[in-house]
Amino acid sequence: MLPSLPPWAGMHPLLVHFPIALLFAVPVFLVLALLLGRRHPAWSYAALILLLLGTAGVFMAAASGEAAGKVAERTPEINGVLERHEHLAETARGVFSGLAMAFAAVVLVPLAWKRALPAWGHYAAHGVFLVLFVGSLGFLVQVAHQGGRLVHQFGVHALLPPGEPDMTPQASATIDPD
């Protein structure tokens, strides 16, 4: 029998890894778009799709994290790390939303105008965006680091549905195998 899904507040650990993976894949596609030029726009479209999905994932992770933060165990140390984690997550949400809108304009405005960017414009826009994007991944790294501290340093964990056995290492040592 499959375990039941946790409540929304417990979904945070399941949701946070998707935007991280998607957003860290974006620069690969941006580099391919730069190397292959404007004659192969599929790489730019793929980068945009990954960026949009990753940004949507940041919103989902932040929403589930807000719910999880309301029910998390609290100590003064945990509160400090949790507040920093939340602040960085809000910043990352804003940064990646802005980047998504900017890159959507770079990719979609020429389509709407039915006129490709000149070669220098393509390289300049993609190059500048790549530099800004890679720099912005630092926010994501810091959000993840603070979340990791909450879990690994302070032992904050996701909520389980009622009746679900606790399989954390501390709890599994106390579970009777019979």
N, C-alpha and C. Protein backbone atom coordinates (compact mmCIF):
# COMPACT_ATOMS: atom_id res chain seq x y z
N MET A 1 0.84 -1.18 0.00
CA MET A 1 0.00 0.00 0.00
C MET A 1 0.89 1.25 0.00
N LEU A 2 0.58 2.17 -0.86
CA LEU A 2 1.34 3.41 -0.93
C LEU A 2 0.99 4.31 0.26
N PRO A 3 1.99 5.02 0.77
CA PRO A 3 1.68 5.96 1.86
C PRO A 3 0.86 7.12 1.31
N SER A 4 0.05 7.70 2.16
CA SER A 4 -0.76 8.84 1.73
C SER A 4 0.12 10.08 1.61
N LEU A 5 -0.35 11.04 0.84
CA LEU A 5 0.38 12.28 0.69
C LEU A 5 0.27 13.09 1.97
N PRO A 6 1.32 13.83 2.31
CA PRO A 6 1.24 14.68 3.49
C PRO A 6 0.31 15.86 3.24
N PRO A 7 -0.11 16.54 4.29
CA PRO A 7 -0.90 17.76 4.10
C PRO A 7 -0.05 18.83 3.41
N TRP A 8 -0.69 19.91 2.97
CA TRP A 8 0.01 20.96 2.23
C TRP A 8 1.26 21.43 2.97
N ALA A 9 1.18 21.60 4.28
CA ALA A 9 2.34 22.05 5.06
C ALA A 9 3.46 21.03 5.03
N GLY A 10 3.16 19.78 4.78
CA GLY A 10 4.18 18.74 4.71
C GLY A 10 4.70 18.49 3.30
N MET A 11 4.15 19.16 2.30
CA MET A 11 4.56 18.97 0.91
C MET A 11 5.86 19.71 0.56
N HIS A 12 6.27 20.63 1.40
CA HIS A 12 7.43 21.46 1.09
C HIS A 12 8.67 20.66 0.68
N PRO A 13 9.06 19.62 1.42
CA PRO A 13 10.26 18.86 1.00
C PRO A 13 10.09 18.16 -0.34
N LEU A 14 8.86 17.88 -0.71
CA LEU A 14 8.62 17.23 -2.01
C LEU A 14 8.69 18.23 -3.16
N LEU A 15 8.40 19.49 -2.89
CA LEU A 15 8.29 20.49 -3.94
C LEU A 15 9.56 21.29 -4.19
N VAL A 16 10.43 21.42 -3.19
CA VAL A 16 11.55 22.35 -3.32
C VAL A 16 12.60 21.92 -4.34
N HIS A 17 12.73 20.65 -4.59
CA HIS A 17 13.82 20.19 -5.46
C HIS A 17 13.54 20.43 -6.95
N PHE A 18 12.28 20.48 -7.33
CA PHE A 18 11.95 20.68 -8.75
C PHE A 18 12.39 22.04 -9.27
N PRO A 19 12.05 23.14 -8.59
CA PRO A 19 12.52 24.42 -9.14
C PRO A 19 14.03 24.55 -9.12
N ILE A 20 14.68 23.96 -8.12
CA ILE A 20 16.14 24.01 -8.08
C ILE A 20 16.71 23.33 -9.32
N ALA A 21 16.25 22.13 -9.60
CA ALA A 21 16.75 21.38 -10.76
C ALA A 21 16.44 22.11 -12.07
N LEU A 22 15.22 22.58 -12.22
CA LEU A 22 14.82 23.25 -13.45
C LEU A 22 15.63 24.53 -13.67
N LEU A 23 15.76 25.33 -12.61
CA LEU A 23 16.45 26.61 -12.77
C LEU A 23 17.96 26.43 -12.98
N PHE A 24 18.54 25.38 -12.41
CA PHE A 24 19.96 25.14 -12.66
C PHE A 24 20.21 24.56 -14.05
N ALA A 25 19.18 24.06 -14.71
CA ALA A 25 19.33 23.56 -16.08
C ALA A 25 19.24 24.70 -17.10
N VAL A 26 18.62 25.81 -16.74
CA VAL A 26 18.43 26.91 -17.68
C VAL A 26 19.75 27.40 -18.29
N PRO A 27 20.82 27.62 -17.52
CA PRO A 27 22.04 28.12 -18.16
C PRO A 27 22.61 27.20 -19.23
N VAL A 28 22.40 25.90 -19.10
CA VAL A 28 22.87 24.97 -20.14
C VAL A 28 22.20 25.31 -21.47
N PHE A 29 20.90 25.53 -21.42
CA PHE A 29 20.15 25.85 -22.64
C PHE A 29 20.49 27.25 -23.15
N LEU A 30 20.78 28.17 -22.24
CA LEU A 30 21.19 29.51 -22.66
C LEU A 30 22.54 29.46 -23.37
N VAL A 31 23.47 28.67 -22.87
CA VAL A 31 24.77 28.52 -23.53
C VAL A 31 24.59 27.90 -24.92
N LEU A 32 23.72 26.88 -25.01
CA LEU A 32 23.46 26.28 -26.32
C LEU A 32 22.83 27.29 -27.27
N ALA A 33 21.93 28.13 -26.75
CA ALA A 33 21.32 29.18 -27.58
C ALA A 33 22.38 30.17 -28.06
N LEU A 34 23.33 30.47 -27.18
CA LEU A 34 24.41 31.38 -27.58
C LEU A 34 25.33 30.75 -28.62
N LEU A 35 25.70 29.49 -28.38
CA LEU A 35 26.64 28.82 -29.29
C LEU A 35 26.04 28.54 -30.65
N LEU A 36 24.77 28.16 -30.66
CA LEU A 36 24.13 27.77 -31.93
C LEU A 36 23.47 28.95 -32.63
N GLY A 37 23.41 30.07 -31.95
CA GLY A 37 22.91 31.29 -32.57
C GLY A 37 21.41 31.31 -32.78
N ARG A 38 20.99 32.35 -33.44
CA ARG A 38 19.55 32.57 -33.62
C ARG A 38 18.93 31.68 -34.68
N ARG A 39 19.75 30.92 -35.38
CA ARG A 39 19.21 29.99 -36.39
C ARG A 39 18.57 28.77 -35.76
N HIS A 40 18.84 28.56 -34.49
CA HIS A 40 18.28 27.43 -33.75
C HIS A 40 17.54 27.95 -32.52
N PRO A 41 16.40 28.58 -32.73
CA PRO A 41 15.70 29.22 -31.60
C PRO A 41 15.10 28.22 -30.60
N ALA A 42 15.07 26.94 -30.93
CA ALA A 42 14.49 25.96 -30.01
C ALA A 42 15.20 25.97 -28.67
N TRP A 43 16.51 26.26 -28.65
CA TRP A 43 17.25 26.29 -27.38
C TRP A 43 16.78 27.45 -26.53
N SER A 44 16.48 28.57 -27.14
CA SER A 44 15.95 29.71 -26.38
C SER A 44 14.55 29.40 -25.87
N TYR A 45 13.74 28.76 -26.70
CA TYR A 45 12.39 28.38 -26.26
C TYR A 45 12.46 27.39 -25.10
N ALA A 46 13.38 26.42 -25.20
CA ALA A 46 13.52 25.43 -24.12
C ALA A 46 13.98 26.12 -22.83
N ALA A 47 14.92 27.06 -22.94
CA ALA A 47 15.37 27.80 -21.76
C ALA A 47 14.21 28.56 -21.14
N LEU A 48 13.39 29.18 -21.97
CA LEU A 48 12.24 29.93 -21.47
C LEU A 48 11.24 29.02 -20.77
N ILE A 49 10.96 27.87 -21.37
CA ILE A 49 10.02 26.93 -20.76
C ILE A 49 10.54 26.45 -19.41
N LEU A 50 11.82 26.09 -19.34
CA LEU A 50 12.41 25.67 -18.07
C LEU A 50 12.36 26.80 -17.04
N LEU A 51 12.64 28.00 -17.48
CA LEU A 51 12.61 29.15 -16.58
C LEU A 51 11.20 29.39 -16.05
N LEU A 52 10.20 29.30 -16.92
CA LEU A 52 8.81 29.50 -16.48
C LEU A 52 8.36 28.40 -15.52
N LEU A 53 8.70 27.15 -15.85
CA LEU A 53 8.35 26.04 -14.95
C LEU A 53 9.08 26.15 -13.62
N GLY A 54 10.36 26.50 -13.67
CA GLY A 54 11.13 26.67 -12.44
C GLY A 54 10.60 27.80 -11.57
N THR A 55 10.22 28.89 -12.21
CA THR A 55 9.66 30.03 -11.47
C THR A 55 8.32 29.66 -10.85
N ALA A 56 7.49 28.94 -11.60
CA ALA A 56 6.22 28.46 -11.03
C ALA A 56 6.50 27.53 -9.84
N GLY A 57 7.54 26.71 -9.97
CA GLY A 57 7.92 25.82 -8.88
C GLY A 57 8.38 26.59 -7.65
N VAL A 58 9.07 27.71 -7.86
CA VAL A 58 9.49 28.56 -6.73
C VAL A 58 8.25 29.06 -5.99
N PHE A 59 7.23 29.46 -6.73
CA PHE A 59 5.98 29.92 -6.09
C PHE A 59 5.32 28.79 -5.30
N MET A 60 5.28 27.59 -5.86
CA MET A 60 4.68 26.45 -5.16
C MET A 60 5.49 26.11 -3.91
N ALA A 61 6.81 26.07 -4.04
CA ALA A 61 7.66 25.75 -2.90
C ALA A 61 7.53 26.81 -1.81
N ALA A 62 7.47 28.07 -2.21
CA ALA A 62 7.33 29.15 -1.23
C ALA A 62 5.98 29.06 -0.51
N ALA A 63 4.93 28.76 -1.25
CA ALA A 63 3.60 28.65 -0.63
C ALA A 63 3.54 27.49 0.36
N SER A 64 4.08 26.35 -0.04
CA SER A 64 4.08 25.20 0.88
C SER A 64 5.03 25.46 2.05
N GLY A 65 6.11 26.19 1.81
CA GLY A 65 7.03 26.55 2.88
C GLY A 65 6.41 27.49 3.90
N GLU A 66 5.59 28.43 3.42
CA GLU A 66 4.89 29.33 4.34
C GLU A 66 3.96 28.53 5.24
N ALA A 67 3.26 27.56 4.66
CA ALA A 67 2.38 26.72 5.47
C ALA A 67 3.18 25.87 6.45
N ALA A 68 4.31 25.34 6.00
CA ALA A 68 5.15 24.52 6.88
C ALA A 68 5.73 25.35 8.01
N GLY A 69 6.11 26.59 7.71
CA GLY A 69 6.70 27.46 8.72
C GLY A 69 5.73 27.79 9.84
N LYS A 70 4.44 27.81 9.53
CA LYS A 70 3.43 28.12 10.55
C LYS A 70 3.29 27.01 11.59
N VAL A 71 3.62 25.78 11.21
CA VAL A 71 3.45 24.65 12.13
C VAL A 71 4.77 24.03 12.58
N ALA A 72 5.89 24.62 12.15
CA ALA A 72 7.21 24.07 12.51
C ALA A 72 7.49 24.29 13.99
N GLU A 73 8.29 23.37 14.54
CA GLU A 73 8.76 23.54 15.90
C GLU A 73 9.61 24.81 15.93
N ARG A 74 9.53 25.55 17.05
CA ARG A 74 10.23 26.83 17.11
C ARG A 74 11.13 26.92 18.33
N THR A 75 12.31 27.44 18.08
CA THR A 75 13.23 27.87 19.13
C THR A 75 13.77 29.20 18.63
N PRO A 76 14.43 29.98 19.47
CA PRO A 76 15.00 31.23 18.95
C PRO A 76 15.98 31.01 17.79
N GLU A 77 16.79 29.96 17.86
CA GLU A 77 17.73 29.69 16.76
C GLU A 77 16.98 29.31 15.48
N ILE A 78 15.99 28.44 15.62
CA ILE A 78 15.20 28.03 14.46
C ILE A 78 14.48 29.23 13.87
N ASN A 79 13.93 30.10 14.71
CA ASN A 79 13.23 31.29 14.22
C ASN A 79 14.15 32.15 13.36
N GLY A 80 15.39 32.33 13.79
CA GLY A 80 16.33 33.15 13.02
C GLY A 80 16.62 32.57 11.65
N VAL A 81 16.89 31.28 11.62
CA VAL A 81 17.19 30.62 10.34
C VAL A 81 15.95 30.59 9.47
N LEU A 82 14.79 30.31 10.07
CA LEU A 82 13.54 30.26 9.31
C LEU A 82 13.21 31.61 8.70
N GLU A 83 13.40 32.69 9.46
CA GLU A 83 13.13 34.03 8.93
C GLU A 83 14.06 34.35 7.77
N ARG A 84 15.33 33.98 7.91
CA ARG A 84 16.28 34.21 6.81
C ARG A 84 15.89 33.40 5.58
N HIS A 85 15.53 32.13 5.80
CA HIS A 85 15.08 31.25 4.72
C HIS A 85 13.87 31.86 4.00
N GLU A 86 12.90 32.31 4.77
CA GLU A 86 11.69 32.91 4.18
C GLU A 86 12.02 34.19 3.41
N HIS A 87 12.86 35.04 3.99
CA HIS A 87 13.24 36.29 3.32
C HIS A 87 13.95 36.02 2.00
N LEU A 88 14.90 35.09 2.03
CA LEU A 88 15.62 34.74 0.81
C LEU A 88 14.68 34.12 -0.23
N ALA A 89 13.73 33.30 0.22
CA ALA A 89 12.78 32.68 -0.71
C ALA A 89 11.91 33.75 -1.37
N GLU A 90 11.46 34.74 -0.60
CA GLU A 90 10.67 35.83 -1.18
C GLU A 90 11.50 36.61 -2.20
N THR A 91 12.76 36.85 -1.87
CA THR A 91 13.65 37.55 -2.80
C THR A 91 13.84 36.73 -4.07
N ALA A 92 14.09 35.44 -3.92
CA ALA A 92 14.27 34.57 -5.08
C ALA A 92 13.01 34.54 -5.94
N ARG A 93 11.86 34.52 -5.30
CA ARG A 93 10.60 34.51 -6.05
C ARG A 93 10.50 35.78 -6.91
N GLY A 94 10.83 36.92 -6.34
CA GLY A 94 10.79 38.17 -7.09
C GLY A 94 11.83 38.23 -8.19
N VAL A 95 13.04 37.79 -7.87
CA VAL A 95 14.14 37.82 -8.85
C VAL A 95 13.81 36.93 -10.04
N PHE A 96 13.37 35.69 -9.78
CA PHE A 96 13.11 34.78 -10.90
C PHE A 96 11.85 35.17 -11.67
N SER A 97 10.90 35.82 -11.00
CA SER A 97 9.74 36.35 -11.74
C SER A 97 10.18 37.43 -12.71
N GLY A 98 11.02 38.34 -12.24
CA GLY A 98 11.53 39.40 -13.11
C GLY A 98 12.36 38.84 -14.25
N LEU A 99 13.22 37.88 -13.94
CA LEU A 99 14.03 37.26 -15.00
C LEU A 99 13.15 36.55 -16.02
N ALA A 100 12.11 35.87 -15.55
CA ALA A 100 11.22 35.16 -16.48
C ALA A 100 10.52 36.16 -17.41
N MET A 101 10.06 37.28 -16.86
CA MET A 101 9.41 38.28 -17.71
C MET A 101 10.39 38.88 -18.71
N ALA A 102 11.61 39.16 -18.25
CA ALA A 102 12.61 39.75 -19.14
C ALA A 102 12.98 38.79 -20.26
N PHE A 103 13.21 37.53 -19.92
CA PHE A 103 13.61 36.59 -20.97
C PHE A 103 12.44 36.27 -21.90
N ALA A 104 11.22 36.27 -21.35
CA ALA A 104 10.05 36.08 -22.22
C ALA A 104 9.99 37.20 -23.25
N ALA A 105 10.32 38.42 -22.83
CA ALA A 105 10.33 39.53 -23.78
C ALA A 105 11.42 39.33 -24.83
N VAL A 106 12.61 38.88 -24.42
CA VAL A 106 13.72 38.65 -25.36
C VAL A 106 13.33 37.61 -26.40
N VAL A 107 12.63 36.57 -25.96
CA VAL A 107 12.30 35.47 -26.86
C VAL A 107 11.01 35.73 -27.65
N LEU A 108 10.00 36.29 -27.00
CA LEU A 108 8.68 36.36 -27.63
C LEU A 108 8.41 37.64 -28.40
N VAL A 109 9.03 38.76 -28.03
CA VAL A 109 8.78 40.01 -28.76
C VAL A 109 9.19 39.88 -30.22
N PRO A 110 10.37 39.33 -30.53
CA PRO A 110 10.70 39.15 -31.95
C PRO A 110 9.70 38.25 -32.69
N LEU A 111 9.14 37.26 -32.00
CA LEU A 111 8.11 36.42 -32.63
C LEU A 111 6.86 37.24 -32.93
N ALA A 112 6.46 38.06 -31.98
CA ALA A 112 5.26 38.88 -32.17
C ALA A 112 5.47 39.89 -33.29
N TRP A 113 6.66 40.43 -33.41
CA TRP A 113 6.96 41.39 -34.47
C TRP A 113 7.28 40.71 -35.78
N LYS A 114 7.38 39.36 -35.74
CA LYS A 114 7.74 38.58 -36.92
C LYS A 114 9.05 39.07 -37.54
N ARG A 115 9.95 39.39 -36.62
CA ARG A 115 11.24 39.91 -37.06
C ARG A 115 12.30 39.47 -36.05
N ALA A 116 13.25 38.70 -36.50
CA ALA A 116 14.31 38.20 -35.61
C ALA A 116 15.22 39.33 -35.17
N LEU A 117 15.77 39.16 -33.99
CA LEU A 117 16.78 40.11 -33.53
C LEU A 117 17.98 40.02 -34.46
N PRO A 118 18.67 41.13 -34.65
CA PRO A 118 19.93 41.02 -35.41
C PRO A 118 20.88 40.13 -34.62
N ALA A 119 21.88 39.59 -35.29
CA ALA A 119 22.80 38.66 -34.65
C ALA A 119 23.43 39.27 -33.40
N TRP A 120 23.88 40.52 -33.49
CA TRP A 120 24.50 41.16 -32.33
C TRP A 120 23.50 41.29 -31.18
N GLY A 121 22.22 41.56 -31.51
CA GLY A 121 21.18 41.69 -30.48
C GLY A 121 20.90 40.36 -29.79
N HIS A 122 20.89 39.29 -30.59
CA HIS A 122 20.67 37.96 -30.03
C HIS A 122 21.79 37.62 -29.05
N TYR A 123 23.03 37.80 -29.49
CA TYR A 123 24.17 37.45 -28.64
C TYR A 123 24.24 38.35 -27.41
N ALA A 124 23.98 39.62 -27.60
CA ALA A 124 24.04 40.55 -26.46
C ALA A 124 22.94 40.23 -25.45
N ALA A 125 21.71 40.05 -25.91
CA ALA A 125 20.60 39.78 -25.00
C ALA A 125 20.80 38.46 -24.26
N HIS A 126 21.17 37.41 -24.99
CA HIS A 126 21.38 36.11 -24.35
C HIS A 126 22.59 36.12 -23.42
N GLY A 127 23.66 36.79 -23.84
CA GLY A 127 24.86 36.86 -23.00
C GLY A 127 24.63 37.61 -21.71
N VAL A 128 24.00 38.79 -21.81
CA VAL A 128 23.71 39.57 -20.60
C VAL A 128 22.75 38.80 -19.71
N PHE A 129 21.74 38.19 -20.31
CA PHE A 129 20.78 37.43 -19.51
C PHE A 129 21.46 36.25 -18.82
N LEU A 130 22.34 35.57 -19.52
CA LEU A 130 23.06 34.43 -18.92
C LEU A 130 23.86 34.88 -17.70
N VAL A 131 24.56 35.99 -17.80
CA VAL A 131 25.36 36.49 -16.68
C VAL A 131 24.44 36.85 -15.50
N LEU A 132 23.36 37.57 -15.77
CA LEU A 132 22.42 37.93 -14.71
C LEU A 132 21.79 36.69 -14.08
N PHE A 133 21.43 35.74 -14.92
CA PHE A 133 20.76 34.54 -14.42
C PHE A 133 21.69 33.71 -13.53
N VAL A 134 22.90 33.48 -13.99
CA VAL A 134 23.85 32.70 -13.19
C VAL A 134 24.11 33.40 -11.86
N GLY A 135 24.24 34.72 -11.89
CA GLY A 135 24.41 35.46 -10.64
C GLY A 135 23.21 35.31 -9.71
N SER A 136 22.03 35.26 -10.29
CA SER A 136 20.81 35.13 -9.49
C SER A 136 20.65 33.74 -8.89
N LEU A 137 21.30 32.76 -9.44
CA LEU A 137 21.24 31.42 -8.85
C LEU A 137 21.82 31.41 -7.44
N GLY A 138 22.63 32.43 -7.13
CA GLY A 138 23.15 32.57 -5.78
C GLY A 138 22.04 32.70 -4.75
N PHE A 139 20.95 33.40 -5.10
CA PHE A 139 19.79 33.49 -4.19
C PHE A 139 19.22 32.10 -3.92
N LEU A 140 19.10 31.33 -4.97
CA LEU A 140 18.54 29.99 -4.84
C LEU A 140 19.43 29.11 -3.97
N VAL A 141 20.73 29.24 -4.14
CA VAL A 141 21.68 28.47 -3.33
C VAL A 141 21.53 28.85 -1.86
N GLN A 142 21.39 30.13 -1.58
CA GLN A 142 21.25 30.58 -0.19
C GLN A 142 19.93 30.12 0.42
N VAL A 143 18.85 30.16 -0.36
CA VAL A 143 17.56 29.65 0.13
C VAL A 143 17.70 28.18 0.50
N ALA A 144 18.30 27.41 -0.41
CA ALA A 144 18.46 25.98 -0.17
C ALA A 144 19.36 25.72 1.02
N HIS A 145 20.42 26.50 1.16
CA HIS A 145 21.33 26.31 2.28
C HIS A 145 20.61 26.55 3.62
N GLN A 146 19.83 27.61 3.69
CA GLN A 146 19.11 27.89 4.94
C GLN A 146 18.06 26.81 5.22
N GLY A 147 17.39 26.32 4.17
CA GLY A 147 16.45 25.21 4.35
C GLY A 147 17.16 23.95 4.81
N GLY A 148 18.33 23.70 4.24
CA GLY A 148 19.13 22.55 4.66
C GLY A 148 19.56 22.66 6.11
N ARG A 149 19.89 23.86 6.54
CA ARG A 149 20.24 24.05 7.96
C ARG A 149 19.05 23.71 8.85
N LEU A 150 17.86 24.14 8.44
CA LEU A 150 16.68 23.83 9.25
C LEU A 150 16.51 22.33 9.43
N VAL A 151 16.71 21.59 8.35
CA VAL A 151 16.52 20.14 8.39
C VAL A 151 17.68 19.43 9.07
N HIS A 152 18.89 19.72 8.63
CA HIS A 152 20.04 18.92 9.05
C HIS A 152 20.70 19.41 10.33
N GLN A 153 20.60 20.70 10.60
CA GLN A 153 21.20 21.22 11.82
C GLN A 153 20.21 21.23 12.98
N PHE A 154 18.94 21.56 12.68
CA PHE A 154 17.95 21.73 13.74
C PHE A 154 16.91 20.62 13.77
N GLY A 155 16.88 19.75 12.78
CA GLY A 155 15.96 18.62 12.79
C GLY A 155 14.52 18.96 12.47
N VAL A 156 14.27 20.12 11.86
CA VAL A 156 12.90 20.47 11.47
C VAL A 156 12.52 19.54 10.32
N HIS A 157 11.33 18.93 10.39
CA HIS A 157 10.93 17.99 9.34
C HIS A 157 9.47 18.20 8.97
N ALA A 158 9.09 17.57 7.87
CA ALA A 158 7.73 17.72 7.34
C ALA A 158 6.73 17.02 8.23
N LEU A 159 5.51 17.53 8.17
CA LEU A 159 4.42 16.91 8.91
C LEU A 159 3.96 15.64 8.21
N LEU A 160 3.53 14.68 8.98
CA LEU A 160 2.99 13.44 8.42
C LEU A 160 1.48 13.41 8.61
N PRO A 161 0.77 12.74 7.70
CA PRO A 161 -0.68 12.60 7.89
C PRO A 161 -0.95 11.78 9.15
N PRO A 162 -2.11 11.96 9.76
CA PRO A 162 -2.43 11.18 10.95
C PRO A 162 -2.37 9.68 10.64
N GLY A 163 -1.77 8.93 11.55
CA GLY A 163 -1.69 7.48 11.41
C GLY A 163 -0.52 6.99 10.58
N GLU A 164 0.23 7.88 9.97
CA GLU A 164 1.39 7.51 9.14
C GLU A 164 2.58 7.26 10.05
N PRO A 165 3.29 6.15 9.88
CA PRO A 165 4.46 5.92 10.75
C PRO A 165 5.57 6.91 10.46
N ASP A 166 6.25 7.34 11.50
CA ASP A 166 7.38 8.26 11.38
C ASP A 166 8.61 7.43 11.03
N MET A 167 9.18 7.65 9.82
CA MET A 167 10.31 6.85 9.36
C MET A 167 11.63 7.62 9.44
N THR A 168 11.66 8.70 10.25
CA THR A 168 12.92 9.40 10.42
C THR A 168 13.89 8.47 11.13
N PRO A 169 15.21 8.66 10.97
CA PRO A 169 16.17 7.74 11.58
C PRO A 169 15.98 7.61 13.09
N GLN A 170 15.66 8.71 13.78
CA GLN A 170 15.48 8.63 15.23
C GLN A 170 14.26 7.78 15.56
N ALA A 171 13.19 7.93 14.81
CA ALA A 171 11.95 7.20 15.09
C ALA A 171 12.05 5.76 14.66
N SER A 172 12.74 5.48 13.52
CA SER A 172 12.80 4.12 13.02
C SER A 172 13.58 3.22 13.99
N ALA A 173 14.45 3.78 14.81
CA ALA A 173 15.18 2.99 15.79
C ALA A 173 14.26 2.49 16.90
N THR A 174 13.11 3.16 17.05
CA THR A 174 12.18 2.78 18.11
C THR A 174 10.99 1.95 17.60
N ILE A 175 10.89 1.76 16.28
CA ILE A 175 9.76 1.00 15.71
C ILE A 175 10.01 -0.48 15.93
N ASP A 176 9.03 -1.14 16.47
CA ASP A 176 9.13 -2.58 16.73
C ASP A 176 8.90 -3.33 15.42
N PRO A 177 9.86 -4.14 14.92
CA PRO A 177 9.71 -4.81 13.64
C PRO A 177 8.65 -5.90 13.65
N ASP A 178 8.19 -6.36 14.80
CA ASP A 178 7.17 -7.42 14.85
C ASP A 178 5.83 -6.87 14.73
